[in-house]
Amino acid sequence: MSKQMLTVDGLQYSNWSREIFQQMHEGGVDAVHATLVYHETTRETLSRLGEWNRRFEQNADLIMPVREPADILRAQAAGKVGIFLGAQNCSPIEDDIDMVAVMRRLGLLIMQLTYNNQSLLACGCYESEDSGITRFGRQVIREMNRVGMVIDMSHSAERSTLEAIELSERPVIISHANPSFFHEAKRNKSNRVLSAIAESGGLLGFSAYPFHLKGGPDCTLEAYCEMIARTVDLMGIEHVGLGTDLCQDQPVAVLEWMRNGRWSKEMDYGEGSASNAGWPRPLAWLRDSRDFPKLIDGLRNQGFAETDIERIMGRNWVALLERVAS
């Protein structure tokens, strides 16, 4: 195994437990962007924040909250895993722009404008027509910029994503997706979007969710690192990182909540057909957070310099948060 370096995972959503926090620690992970909510209302989001406060209290020897970028380096120095919270939809603010500042003060660092469907702010990647950023969305982008909340377009459609980048005065991210040149999936992003993200000073977090990868669960570490190398050629080394989308120990009911929320009586298969109704088989080289050193080895085998590997593994995430959330 490689000697570990600063490691930040730009997206995980797991059935959080002390065992999972210990796995992060064993894998040398210094910080994780943890999904707080998908479709929860403002009141439900407050309860999720309360649950995290309890986790921080009960696992204070392993994890600590990240409320500003410097907390990631403090966590590394303390030998703990820093947790920064994000929303995969705009539901926590409902239709109230004042909730943006409230949620940011409570520790919500990142918010997606959409989750697959049309939202009050923008259009998701599964809608047949992309209407772009709404009137409310323009106001929320301005407010997110003001309070230092990161705009995430991981589940958004192309026009909406490009408009958000253009409207935002701060860099925009895609925390967990891959280039569509590697694998055609509605959630993966075109070269045009990736270039715009880079030009805005933003960041792409590479997903390790099998449905986003060529070959699915059989995608090799070598192929994954080749994808990273090709994307670096397009975006530049300073605009890429990890956003594995690890979802450990979650029941299928959670997958259904992610995809269906309250909007559908029928099962929404999200990434494709009924054959994708359940959780995919995990990648052999990334079963849980203890495997992160394998990624370092894979990038070394791809020929990346050590300083570039450090950027991909975590330094770029810290720099992005310093640009946007400080």
C-alpha atoms as a PDB file:
ATOM      1  CA  MET A   1       0.000   0.000   0.000  1.00  0.00           C
ATOM      2  CA  SER A   2       1.101   3.572  -0.683  1.00  0.00           C
ATOM      3  CA  LYS A   3       2.014   6.045   1.991  1.00  0.00           C
ATOM      4  CA  GLN A   4      -1.104   8.134   2.408  1.00  0.00           C
ATOM      5  CA  MET A   5      -1.413  11.825   1.469  1.00  0.00           C
ATOM      6  CA  LEU A   6      -4.115  14.412   2.137  1.00  0.00           C
ATOM      7  CA  THR A   7      -7.280  12.714   0.916  1.00  0.00           C
ATOM      8  CA  VAL A   8     -10.691  14.296   0.400  1.00  0.00           C
ATOM      9  CA  ASP A   9     -13.698  12.438  -0.973  1.00  0.00           C
ATOM     10  CA  GLY A  10     -16.114  14.868  -2.599  1.00  0.00           C
ATOM     11  CA  LEU A  11     -19.218  12.714  -2.068  1.00  0.00           C
ATOM     12  CA  GLN A  12     -20.350   9.811   0.064  1.00  0.00           C
ATOM     13  CA  TYR A  13     -23.786   8.829   1.299  1.00  0.00           C
ATOM     14  CA  SER A  14     -23.642   5.869   3.622  1.00  0.00           C
ATOM     15  CA  ASN A  15     -25.587   4.342   6.474  1.00  0.00           C
ATOM     16  CA  TRP A  16     -23.259   6.160   8.850  1.00  0.00           C
ATOM     17  CA  SER A  17     -21.805   4.151  11.696  1.00  0.00           C
ATOM     18  CA  ARG A  18     -18.719   4.055  13.852  1.00  0.00           C
ATOM     19  CA  GLU A  19     -17.461   1.190  11.701  1.00  0.00           C
ATOM     20  CA  ILE A  20     -17.628   3.350   8.551  1.00  0.00           C
ATOM     21  CA  PHE A  21     -15.854   6.226  10.318  1.00  0.00           C
ATOM     22  CA  GLN A  22     -13.135   3.779  11.373  1.00  0.00           C
ATOM     23  CA  GLN A  23     -12.792   2.580   7.774  1.00  0.00           C
ATOM     24  CA  MET A  24     -12.291   6.187   6.640  1.00  0.00           C
ATOM     25  CA  HIS A  25      -9.613   6.601   9.286  1.00  0.00           C
ATOM     26  CA  GLU A  26      -7.870   3.368   8.281  1.00  0.00           C
ATOM     27  CA  GLY A  27      -7.917   4.420   4.610  1.00  0.00           C
ATOM     28  CA  GLY A  28      -6.222   7.711   5.417  1.00  0.00           C
ATOM     29  CA  VAL A  29      -9.262   9.786   4.419  1.00  0.00           C
ATOM     30  CA  ASP A  30      -8.989  13.277   5.904  1.00  0.00           C
ATOM     31  CA  ALA A  31     -12.348  14.720   4.858  1.00  0.00           C
ATOM     32  CA  VAL A  32     -15.610  13.612   3.241  1.00  0.00           C
ATOM     33  CA  HIS A  33     -18.468  15.548   1.691  1.00  0.00           C
ATOM     34  CA  ALA A  34     -21.421  13.715   3.241  1.00  0.00           C
ATOM     35  CA  THR A  35     -24.876  14.054   1.720  1.00  0.00           C
ATOM     36  CA  LEU A  36     -27.194  15.451   4.367  1.00  0.00           C
ATOM     37  CA  VAL A  37     -30.476  15.276   2.418  1.00  0.00           C
ATOM     38  CA  TYR A  38     -32.053  14.442  -0.924  1.00  0.00           C
ATOM     39  CA  HIS A  39     -35.716  15.499  -0.874  1.00  0.00           C
ATOM     40  CA  GLU A  40     -36.153  16.484   2.779  1.00  0.00           C
ATOM     41  CA  THR A  41     -38.045  19.638   3.716  1.00  0.00           C
ATOM     42  CA  THR A  42     -36.581  22.435   5.834  1.00  0.00           C
ATOM     43  CA  ARG A  43     -37.870  20.877   9.052  1.00  0.00           C
ATOM     44  CA  GLU A  44     -36.603  17.414   8.102  1.00  0.00           C
ATOM     45  CA  THR A  45     -33.214  18.900   7.204  1.00  0.00           C
ATOM     46  CA  LEU A  46     -32.952  20.342  10.713  1.00  0.00           C
ATOM     47  CA  SER A  47     -33.451  16.829  12.081  1.00  0.00           C
ATOM     48  CA  ARG A  48     -30.694  15.490   9.809  1.00  0.00           C
ATOM     49  CA  LEU A  49     -28.388  18.226  11.127  1.00  0.00           C
ATOM     50  CA  GLY A  50     -29.307  17.173  14.648  1.00  0.00           C
ATOM     51  CA  GLU A  51     -28.392  13.589  13.830  1.00  0.00           C
ATOM     52  CA  TRP A  52     -24.966  14.718  12.616  1.00  0.00           C
ATOM     53  CA  ASN A  53     -24.436  16.767  15.777  1.00  0.00           C
ATOM     54  CA  ARG A  54     -25.063  13.591  17.737  1.00  0.00           C
ATOM     55  CA  ARG A  55     -22.621  11.627  15.560  1.00  0.00           C
ATOM     56  CA  PHE A  56     -19.945  14.273  16.123  1.00  0.00           C
ATOM     57  CA  GLU A  57     -20.567  14.044  19.867  1.00  0.00           C
ATOM     58  CA  GLN A  58     -20.536  10.244  20.023  1.00  0.00           C
ATOM     59  CA  ASN A  59     -17.552   9.759  17.665  1.00  0.00           C
ATOM     60  CA  ALA A  60     -15.460  12.783  18.582  1.00  0.00           C
ATOM     61  CA  ASP A  61     -12.287  10.680  18.558  1.00  0.00           C
ATOM     62  CA  LEU A  62     -12.801   9.842  14.863  1.00  0.00           C
ATOM     63  CA  ILE A  63     -14.724  12.673  13.157  1.00  0.00           C
ATOM     64  CA  MET A  64     -15.217  16.433  13.396  1.00  0.00           C
ATOM     65  CA  PRO A  65     -17.361  18.975  11.522  1.00  0.00           C
ATOM     66  CA  VAL A  66     -15.937  21.063   8.683  1.00  0.00           C
ATOM     67  CA  ARG A  67     -17.547  24.509   8.656  1.00  0.00           C
ATOM     68  CA  GLU A  68     -14.731  26.286   6.799  1.00  0.00           C
ATOM     69  CA  PRO A  69     -11.934  25.001   4.543  1.00  0.00           C
ATOM     70  CA  ALA A  70      -9.255  25.323   7.226  1.00  0.00           C
ATOM     71  CA  ASP A  71     -11.116  22.702   9.264  1.00  0.00           C
ATOM     72  CA  ILE A  72      -9.984  20.032   6.780  1.00  0.00           C
ATOM     73  CA  LEU A  73      -6.340  20.727   7.617  1.00  0.00           C
ATOM     74  CA  ARG A  74      -7.228  20.860  11.322  1.00  0.00           C
ATOM     75  CA  ALA A  75      -8.844  17.445  11.000  1.00  0.00           C
ATOM     76  CA  GLN A  76      -5.759  16.061   9.269  1.00  0.00           C
ATOM     77  CA  ALA A  77      -3.504  17.471  11.995  1.00  0.00           C
ATOM     78  CA  ALA A  78      -5.736  15.973  14.700  1.00  0.00           C
ATOM     79  CA  GLY A  79      -5.850  12.569  13.023  1.00  0.00           C
ATOM     80  CA  LYS A  80      -9.603  12.816  12.505  1.00  0.00           C
ATOM     81  CA  VAL A  81     -11.924  12.730   9.490  1.00  0.00           C
ATOM     82  CA  GLY A  82     -13.507  16.087   8.721  1.00  0.00           C
ATOM     83  CA  ILE A  83     -17.125  15.925   7.574  1.00  0.00           C
ATOM     84  CA  PHE A  84     -18.564  18.678   5.387  1.00  0.00           C
ATOM     85  CA  LEU A  85     -22.264  18.529   4.626  1.00  0.00           C
ATOM     86  CA  GLY A  86     -24.118  18.984   1.363  1.00  0.00           C
ATOM     87  CA  ALA A  87     -27.631  18.704  -0.043  1.00  0.00           C
ATOM     88  CA  GLN A  88     -28.314  16.819  -3.273  1.00  0.00           C
ATOM     89  CA  ASN A  89     -31.350  18.974  -3.990  1.00  0.00           C
ATOM     90  CA  CYS A  90     -32.645  22.436  -3.138  1.00  0.00           C
ATOM     91  CA  SER A  91     -35.502  21.071  -1.015  1.00  0.00           C
ATOM     92  CA  PRO A  92     -33.922  22.249   2.301  1.00  0.00           C
ATOM     93  CA  ILE A  93     -34.657  25.879   1.391  1.00  0.00           C
ATOM     94  CA  GLU A  94     -38.165  25.115   0.045  1.00  0.00           C
ATOM     95  CA  ASP A  95     -39.371  28.401  -1.517  1.00  0.00           C
ATOM     96  CA  ASP A  96     -37.691  30.708   1.013  1.00  0.00           C
ATOM     97  CA  ILE A  97     -34.482  32.465  -0.039  1.00  0.00           C
ATOM     98  CA  ASP A  98     -33.707  33.366   3.580  1.00  0.00           C
ATOM     99  CA  MET A  99     -33.091  29.669   4.244  1.00  0.00           C
ATOM    100  CA  VAL A 100     -29.887  29.783   2.174  1.00  0.00           C
ATOM    101  CA  ALA A 101     -28.079  31.859   4.797  1.00  0.00           C
ATOM    102  CA  VAL A 102     -29.715  29.947   7.652  1.00  0.00           C
ATOM    103  CA  MET A 103     -28.586  26.587   6.287  1.00  0.00           C
ATOM    104  CA  ARG A 104     -25.081  27.874   5.588  1.00  0.00           C
ATOM    105  CA  ARG A 105     -24.738  29.057   9.195  1.00  0.00           C
ATOM    106  CA  LEU A 106     -25.905  25.645  10.391  1.00  0.00           C
ATOM    107  CA  GLY A 107     -23.160  23.924   8.416  1.00  0.00           C
ATOM    108  CA  LEU A 108     -24.576  23.199   4.947  1.00  0.00           C
ATOM    109  CA  LEU A 109     -21.535  23.881   2.772  1.00  0.00           C
ATOM    110  CA  ILE A 110     -22.758  22.618  -0.619  1.00  0.00           C
ATOM    111  CA  MET A 111     -26.148  22.490  -2.361  1.00  0.00           C
ATOM    112  CA  GLN A 112     -27.201  20.996  -5.684  1.00  0.00           C
ATOM    113  CA  LEU A 113     -29.718  23.071  -7.582  1.00  0.00           C
ATOM    114  CA  THR A 114     -31.520  19.932  -8.800  1.00  0.00           C
ATOM    115  CA  TYR A 115     -31.724  16.189  -8.289  1.00  0.00           C
ATOM    116  CA  ASN A 116     -32.612  14.629 -11.682  1.00  0.00           C
ATOM    117  CA  ASN A 117     -35.990  16.421 -11.967  1.00  0.00           C
ATOM    118  CA  GLN A 118     -37.012  20.016 -12.563  1.00  0.00           C
ATOM    119  CA  SER A 119     -36.761  21.950  -9.309  1.00  0.00           C
ATOM    120  CA  LEU A 120     -37.755  25.442  -8.288  1.00  0.00           C
ATOM    121  CA  LEU A 121     -34.246  26.543  -9.304  1.00  0.00           C
ATOM    122  CA  ALA A 122     -33.173  24.622 -12.414  1.00  0.00           C
ATOM    123  CA  CYS A 123     -33.672  21.537 -14.570  1.00  0.00           C
ATOM    124  CA  GLY A 124     -32.478  18.024 -13.782  1.00  0.00           C
ATOM    125  CA  CYS A 125     -30.741  15.693 -16.208  1.00  0.00           C
ATOM    126  CA  TYR A 126     -33.738  13.337 -16.611  1.00  0.00           C
ATOM    127  CA  GLU A 127     -36.221  15.910 -17.917  1.00  0.00           C
ATOM    128  CA  SER A 128     -36.966  15.791 -21.655  1.00  0.00           C
ATOM    129  CA  GLU A 129     -36.543  19.562 -22.014  1.00  0.00           C
ATOM    130  CA  ASP A 130     -34.059  21.734 -20.161  1.00  0.00           C
ATOM    131  CA  SER A 131     -35.661  25.062 -19.279  1.00  0.00           C
ATOM    132  CA  GLY A 132     -32.499  26.451 -17.666  1.00  0.00           C
ATOM    133  CA  ILE A 133     -32.179  28.488 -14.484  1.00  0.00           C
ATOM    134  CA  THR A 134     -35.482  29.864 -13.163  1.00  0.00           C
ATOM    135  CA  ARG A 135     -36.166  33.352 -11.800  1.00  0.00           C
ATOM    136  CA  PHE A 136     -35.927  31.953  -8.269  1.00  0.00           C
ATOM    137  CA  GLY A 137     -32.766  30.097  -9.251  1.00  0.00           C
ATOM    138  CA  ARG A 138     -31.044  33.316 -10.283  1.00  0.00           C
ATOM    139  CA  GLN A 139     -31.766  34.818  -6.882  1.00  0.00           C
ATOM    140  CA  VAL A 140     -30.592  31.700  -5.041  1.00  0.00           C
ATOM    141  CA  ILE A 141     -27.323  31.588  -7.018  1.00  0.00           C
ATOM    142  CA  ARG A 142     -26.671  35.193  -6.025  1.00  0.00           C
ATOM    143  CA  GLU A 143     -27.457  34.394  -2.375  1.00  0.00           C
ATOM    144  CA  MET A 144     -25.321  31.234  -2.351  1.00  0.00           C
ATOM    145  CA  ASN A 145     -22.440  33.330  -3.700  1.00  0.00           C
ATOM    146  CA  ARG A 146     -23.002  35.908  -0.970  1.00  0.00           C
ATOM    147  CA  VAL A 147     -22.967  33.478   1.955  1.00  0.00           C
ATOM    148  CA  GLY A 148     -20.274  31.143   0.599  1.00  0.00           C
ATOM    149  CA  MET A 149     -22.373  28.085  -0.206  1.00  0.00           C
ATOM    150  CA  VAL A 150     -20.966  25.970  -3.047  1.00  0.00           C
ATOM    151  CA  ILE A 151     -23.190  25.460  -6.116  1.00  0.00           C
ATOM    152  CA  ASP A 152     -23.194  21.805  -7.197  1.00  0.00           C
ATOM    153  CA  MET A 153     -24.619  20.785 -10.618  1.00  0.00           C
ATOM    154  CA  SER A 154     -23.991  17.022 -10.426  1.00  0.00           C
ATOM    155  CA  HIS A 155     -27.573  15.997 -11.272  1.00  0.00           C
ATOM    156  CA  SER A 156     -28.455  18.972 -13.475  1.00  0.00           C
ATOM    157  CA  ALA A 157     -29.115  19.145 -17.200  1.00  0.00           C
ATOM    158  CA  GLU A 158     -26.675  20.770 -19.618  1.00  0.00           C
ATOM    159  CA  ARG A 159     -28.295  24.146 -20.293  1.00  0.00           C
ATOM    160  CA  SER A 160     -29.027  24.648 -16.592  1.00  0.00           C
ATOM    161  CA  THR A 161     -25.438  23.786 -15.713  1.00  0.00           C
ATOM    162  CA  LEU A 162     -23.957  26.162 -18.277  1.00  0.00           C
ATOM    163  CA  GLU A 163     -26.302  28.975 -17.201  1.00  0.00           C
ATOM    164  CA  ALA A 164     -25.438  28.433 -13.524  1.00  0.00           C
ATOM    165  CA  ILE A 165     -21.736  28.697 -14.338  1.00  0.00           C
ATOM    166  CA  GLU A 166     -22.358  31.894 -16.288  1.00  0.00           C
ATOM    167  CA  LEU A 167     -24.551  33.468 -13.603  1.00  0.00           C
ATOM    168  CA  SER A 168     -22.415  32.531 -10.607  1.00  0.00           C
ATOM    169  CA  GLU A 169     -19.696  34.932  -9.508  1.00  0.00           C
ATOM    170  CA  ARG A 170     -17.947  32.080  -7.707  1.00  0.00           C
ATOM    171  CA  PRO A 171     -16.729  28.744  -9.085  1.00  0.00           C
ATOM    172  CA  VAL A 172     -19.304  25.993  -9.637  1.00  0.00           C
ATOM    173  CA  ILE A 173     -18.651  22.289  -9.040  1.00  0.00           C
ATOM    174  CA  ILE A 174     -19.807  18.879 -10.165  1.00  0.00           C
ATOM    175  CA  SER A 175     -19.067  16.920  -7.019  1.00  0.00           C
ATOM    176  CA  HIS A 176     -19.716  13.411  -8.367  1.00  0.00           C
ATOM    177  CA  ALA A 177     -19.953  12.544 -12.066  1.00  0.00           C
ATOM    178  CA  ASN A 178     -17.729  11.499 -14.956  1.00  0.00           C
ATOM    179  CA  PRO A 179     -17.068  12.670 -18.515  1.00  0.00           C
ATOM    180  CA  SER A 180     -19.582  11.386 -21.042  1.00  0.00           C
ATOM    181  CA  PHE A 181     -16.655  10.576 -23.360  1.00  0.00           C
ATOM    182  CA  PHE A 182     -15.786   7.773 -20.916  1.00  0.00           C
ATOM    183  CA  HIS A 183     -19.324   6.465 -20.468  1.00  0.00           C
ATOM    184  CA  GLU A 184     -22.627   7.697 -21.870  1.00  0.00           C
ATOM    185  CA  ALA A 185     -24.971   8.213 -18.934  1.00  0.00           C
ATOM    186  CA  LYS A 186     -27.462  10.999 -18.411  1.00  0.00           C
ATOM    187  CA  ARG A 187     -25.616  11.971 -15.257  1.00  0.00           C
ATOM    188  CA  ASN A 188     -22.215  12.207 -16.943  1.00  0.00           C
ATOM    189  CA  LYS A 189     -21.019  15.506 -18.418  1.00  0.00           C
ATOM    190  CA  SER A 190     -20.116  16.734 -21.887  1.00  0.00           C
ATOM    191  CA  ASN A 191     -16.743  18.224 -22.778  1.00  0.00           C
ATOM    192  CA  ARG A 192     -18.478  21.602 -23.094  1.00  0.00           C
ATOM    193  CA  VAL A 193     -19.675  21.445 -19.486  1.00  0.00           C
ATOM    194  CA  LEU A 194     -16.313  20.207 -18.206  1.00  0.00           C
ATOM    195  CA  SER A 195     -14.477  23.010 -19.989  1.00  0.00           C
ATOM    196  CA  ALA A 196     -16.908  25.585 -18.576  1.00  0.00           C
ATOM    197  CA  ILE A 197     -16.433  24.222 -15.061  1.00  0.00           C
ATOM    198  CA  ALA A 198     -12.670  24.539 -15.423  1.00  0.00           C
ATOM    199  CA  GLU A 199     -12.872  28.038 -16.913  1.00  0.00           C
ATOM    200  CA  SER A 200     -15.003  29.137 -13.940  1.00  0.00           C
ATOM    201  CA  GLY A 201     -12.331  27.908 -11.521  1.00  0.00           C
ATOM    202  CA  GLY A 202     -14.545  25.014 -10.453  1.00  0.00           C
ATOM    203  CA  LEU A 203     -13.978  21.309  -9.925  1.00  0.00           C
ATOM    204  CA  LEU A 204     -15.142  17.887 -11.131  1.00  0.00           C
ATOM    205  CA  GLY A 205     -15.191  15.054  -8.602  1.00  0.00           C
ATOM    206  CA  PHE A 206     -14.783  11.690 -10.345  1.00  0.00           C
ATOM    207  CA  SER A 207     -17.532   9.224  -9.461  1.00  0.00           C
ATOM    208  CA  ALA A 208     -16.835   5.582  -8.693  1.00  0.00           C
ATOM    209  CA  TYR A 209     -20.528   4.638  -8.798  1.00  0.00           C
ATOM    210  CA  PRO A 210     -20.556   1.640 -11.174  1.00  0.00           C
ATOM    211  CA  PHE A 211     -23.498   2.911 -13.272  1.00  0.00           C
ATOM    212  CA  HIS A 212     -21.347   5.961 -14.165  1.00  0.00           C
ATOM    213  CA  LEU A 213     -18.434   3.832 -15.403  1.00  0.00           C
ATOM    214  CA  LYS A 214     -17.574   2.023 -18.624  1.00  0.00           C
ATOM    215  CA  GLY A 215     -17.916  -1.644 -17.804  1.00  0.00           C
ATOM    216  CA  GLY A 216     -20.025  -0.959 -14.726  1.00  0.00           C
ATOM    217  CA  PRO A 217     -18.877  -2.960 -11.691  1.00  0.00           C
ATOM    218  CA  ASP A 218     -16.163  -4.574 -13.833  1.00  0.00           C
ATOM    219  CA  CYS A 219     -14.454  -1.248 -14.612  1.00  0.00           C
ATOM    220  CA  THR A 220     -10.785  -1.607 -13.764  1.00  0.00           C
ATOM    221  CA  LEU A 221      -8.679   0.759 -11.707  1.00  0.00           C
ATOM    222  CA  GLU A 222      -6.455   1.206 -14.760  1.00  0.00           C
ATOM    223  CA  ALA A 223      -9.409   2.321 -16.914  1.00  0.00           C
ATOM    224  CA  TYR A 224     -10.596   4.678 -14.171  1.00  0.00           C
ATOM    225  CA  CYS A 225      -7.169   6.314 -13.908  1.00  0.00           C
ATOM    226  CA  GLU A 226      -6.914   6.561 -17.712  1.00  0.00           C
ATOM    227  CA  MET A 227     -10.230   8.457 -17.613  1.00  0.00           C
ATOM    228  CA  ILE A 228      -8.749  10.814 -15.031  1.00  0.00           C
ATOM    229  CA  ALA A 229      -5.677  11.399 -17.218  1.00  0.00           C
ATOM    230  CA  ARG A 230      -7.795  12.199 -20.295  1.00  0.00           C
ATOM    231  CA  THR A 231      -9.940  14.598 -18.252  1.00  0.00           C
ATOM    232  CA  VAL A 232      -6.874  16.359 -16.879  1.00  0.00           C
ATOM    233  CA  ASP A 233      -5.827  16.977 -20.490  1.00  0.00           C
ATOM    234  CA  LEU A 234      -9.189  18.666 -21.052  1.00  0.00           C
ATOM    235  CA  MET A 235      -9.735  20.539 -17.761  1.00  0.00           C
ATOM    236  CA  GLY A 236      -6.284  21.035 -16.250  1.00  0.00           C
ATOM    237  CA  ILE A 237      -4.863  19.337 -13.183  1.00  0.00           C
ATOM    238  CA  GLU A 238      -6.181  21.957 -10.737  1.00  0.00           C
ATOM    239  CA  HIS A 239      -9.854  21.317 -11.582  1.00  0.00           C
ATOM    240  CA  VAL A 240     -10.271  17.614 -10.774  1.00  0.00           C
ATOM    241  CA  GLY A 241     -10.700  15.584  -7.618  1.00  0.00           C
ATOM    242  CA  LEU A 242     -12.596  12.613  -6.214  1.00  0.00           C
ATOM    243  CA  GLY A 243     -16.308  12.297  -5.538  1.00  0.00           C
ATOM    244  CA  THR A 244     -16.708   8.546  -5.284  1.00  0.00           C
ATOM    245  CA  ASP A 245     -20.444   8.436  -4.484  1.00  0.00           C
ATOM    246  CA  LEU A 246     -19.806   5.551  -2.101  1.00  0.00           C
ATOM    247  CA  CYS A 247     -23.101   4.427  -0.547  1.00  0.00           C
ATOM    248  CA  GLN A 248     -22.251   1.778   2.041  1.00  0.00           C
ATOM    249  CA  ASP A 249     -24.636  -0.442   4.000  1.00  0.00           C
ATOM    250  CA  GLN A 250     -27.743   1.306   2.683  1.00  0.00           C
ATOM    251  CA  PRO A 251     -30.985  -0.643   2.216  1.00  0.00           C
ATOM    252  CA  VAL A 252     -32.817  -0.566  -1.118  1.00  0.00           C
ATOM    253  CA  ALA A 253     -35.434   1.652   0.573  1.00  0.00           C
ATOM    254  CA  VAL A 254     -32.838   4.460   0.645  1.00  0.00           C
ATOM    255  CA  LEU A 255     -32.151   4.000  -3.073  1.00  0.00           C
ATOM    256  CA  GLU A 256     -35.889   4.298  -3.690  1.00  0.00           C
ATOM    257  CA  TRP A 257     -36.025   7.496  -1.614  1.00  0.00           C
ATOM    258  CA  MET A 258     -33.125   8.962  -3.593  1.00  0.00           C
ATOM    259  CA  ARG A 259     -34.808   8.225  -6.923  1.00  0.00           C
ATOM    260  CA  ASN A 260     -38.492   8.618  -6.082  1.00  0.00           C
ATOM    261  CA  GLY A 261     -38.739  11.038  -3.187  1.00  0.00           C
ATOM    262  CA  ARG A 262     -42.443  11.776  -2.832  1.00  0.00           C
ATOM    263  CA  TRP A 263     -43.076  12.635  -6.476  1.00  0.00           C
ATOM    264  CA  SER A 264     -43.729   9.205  -8.006  1.00  0.00           C
ATOM    265  CA  LYS A 265     -45.919   6.194  -7.256  1.00  0.00           C
ATOM    266  CA  GLU A 266     -43.875   4.089  -9.648  1.00  0.00           C
ATOM    267  CA  MET A 267     -40.253   3.013  -9.312  1.00  0.00           C
ATOM    268  CA  ASP A 268     -37.965   5.455 -11.082  1.00  0.00           C
ATOM    269  CA  TYR A 269     -35.003   3.481 -12.375  1.00  0.00           C
ATOM    270  CA  GLY A 270     -32.796   6.520 -12.536  1.00  0.00           C
ATOM    271  CA  GLU A 271     -29.686   5.298 -14.308  1.00  0.00           C
ATOM    272  CA  GLY A 272     -31.522   3.103 -16.800  1.00  0.00           C
ATOM    273  CA  SER A 273     -33.667  -0.018 -16.868  1.00  0.00           C
ATOM    274  CA  ALA A 274     -35.258  -2.283 -14.279  1.00  0.00           C
ATOM    275  CA  SER A 275     -31.991  -4.226 -14.243  1.00  0.00           C
ATOM    276  CA  ASN A 276     -30.595  -1.240 -12.322  1.00  0.00           C
ATOM    277  CA  ALA A 277     -33.339  -1.363  -9.705  1.00  0.00           C
ATOM    278  CA  GLY A 278     -30.978  -2.277  -6.852  1.00  0.00           C
ATOM    279  CA  TRP A 279     -27.551  -1.249  -5.652  1.00  0.00           C
ATOM    280  CA  PRO A 280     -24.798  -2.187  -8.104  1.00  0.00           C
ATOM    281  CA  ARG A 281     -22.118  -4.698  -7.260  1.00  0.00           C
ATOM    282  CA  PRO A 282     -19.157  -2.782  -5.759  1.00  0.00           C
ATOM    283  CA  LEU A 283     -15.911  -2.216  -7.606  1.00  0.00           C
ATOM    284  CA  ALA A 284     -13.234  -4.749  -6.687  1.00  0.00           C
ATOM    285  CA  TRP A 285     -10.733  -1.933  -6.016  1.00  0.00           C
ATOM    286  CA  LEU A 286     -13.019   0.373  -4.008  1.00  0.00           C
ATOM    287  CA  ARG A 287     -15.208  -1.632  -1.676  1.00  0.00           C
ATOM    288  CA  ASP A 288     -14.978   0.924   1.126  1.00  0.00           C
ATOM    289  CA  SER A 289     -12.823   3.821   2.325  1.00  0.00           C
ATOM    290  CA  ARG A 290      -9.970   1.530   3.347  1.00  0.00           C
ATOM    291  CA  ASP A 291      -9.187   1.139  -0.374  1.00  0.00           C
ATOM    292  CA  PHE A 292      -8.278   4.791  -1.028  1.00  0.00           C
ATOM    293  CA  PRO A 293      -4.512   4.031  -1.043  1.00  0.00           C
ATOM    294  CA  LYS A 294      -5.181   1.842  -4.111  1.00  0.00           C
ATOM    295  CA  LEU A 295      -6.253   4.971  -5.976  1.00  0.00           C
ATOM    296  CA  ILE A 296      -2.904   6.569  -5.198  1.00  0.00           C
ATOM    297  CA  ASP A 297      -1.136   3.499  -6.571  1.00  0.00           C
ATOM    298  CA  GLY A 298      -3.352   3.556  -9.665  1.00  0.00           C
ATOM    299  CA  LEU A 299      -2.527   7.200 -10.366  1.00  0.00           C
ATOM    300  CA  ARG A 300       1.186   6.501  -9.905  1.00  0.00           C
ATOM    301  CA  ASN A 301       0.951   3.616 -12.365  1.00  0.00           C
ATOM    302  CA  GLN A 302      -0.725   6.000 -14.803  1.00  0.00           C
ATOM    303  CA  GLY A 303       2.396   8.176 -14.661  1.00  0.00           C
ATOM    304  CA  PHE A 304       1.109  11.118 -12.649  1.00  0.00           C
ATOM    305  CA  ALA A 305       3.703  13.131 -10.719  1.00  0.00           C
ATOM    306  CA  GLU A 306       3.425  13.090  -6.930  1.00  0.00           C
ATOM    307  CA  THR A 307       2.372  16.745  -6.769  1.00  0.00           C
ATOM    308  CA  ASP A 308      -0.423  16.075  -9.278  1.00  0.00           C
ATOM    309  CA  ILE A 309      -1.588  13.018  -7.331  1.00  0.00           C
ATOM    310  CA  GLU A 310      -1.747  15.183  -4.212  1.00  0.00           C
ATOM    311  CA  ARG A 311      -3.962  17.636  -6.094  1.00  0.00           C
ATOM    312  CA  ILE A 312      -6.328  14.908  -7.296  1.00  0.00           C
ATOM    313  CA  MET A 313      -6.499  13.136  -3.949  1.00  0.00           C
ATOM    314  CA  GLY A 314      -7.392  16.190  -1.919  1.00  0.00           C
ATOM    315  CA  ARG A 315      -5.506  19.440  -2.396  1.00  0.00           C
ATOM    316  CA  ASN A 316      -7.822  20.612  -5.179  1.00  0.00           C
ATOM    317  CA  TRP A 317     -10.880  20.149  -2.972  1.00  0.00           C
ATOM    318  CA  VAL A 318      -9.331  22.265  -0.226  1.00  0.00           C
ATOM    319  CA  ALA A 319      -8.365  24.954  -2.736  1.00  0.00           C
ATOM    320  CA  LEU A 320     -11.885  24.970  -4.236  1.00  0.00           C
ATOM    321  CA  LEU A 321     -13.497  25.405  -0.832  1.00  0.00           C
ATOM    322  CA  GLU A 322     -11.047  28.203  -0.069  1.00  0.00           C
ATOM    323  CA  ARG A 323     -12.142  29.955  -3.285  1.00  0.00           C
ATOM    324  CA  VAL A 324     -15.872  29.538  -2.673  1.00  0.00           C
ATOM    325  CA  ALA A 325     -16.724  28.855   0.967  1.00  0.00           C
ATOM    326  CA  SER A 326     -14.337  31.131   2.848  1.00  0.00           C
END
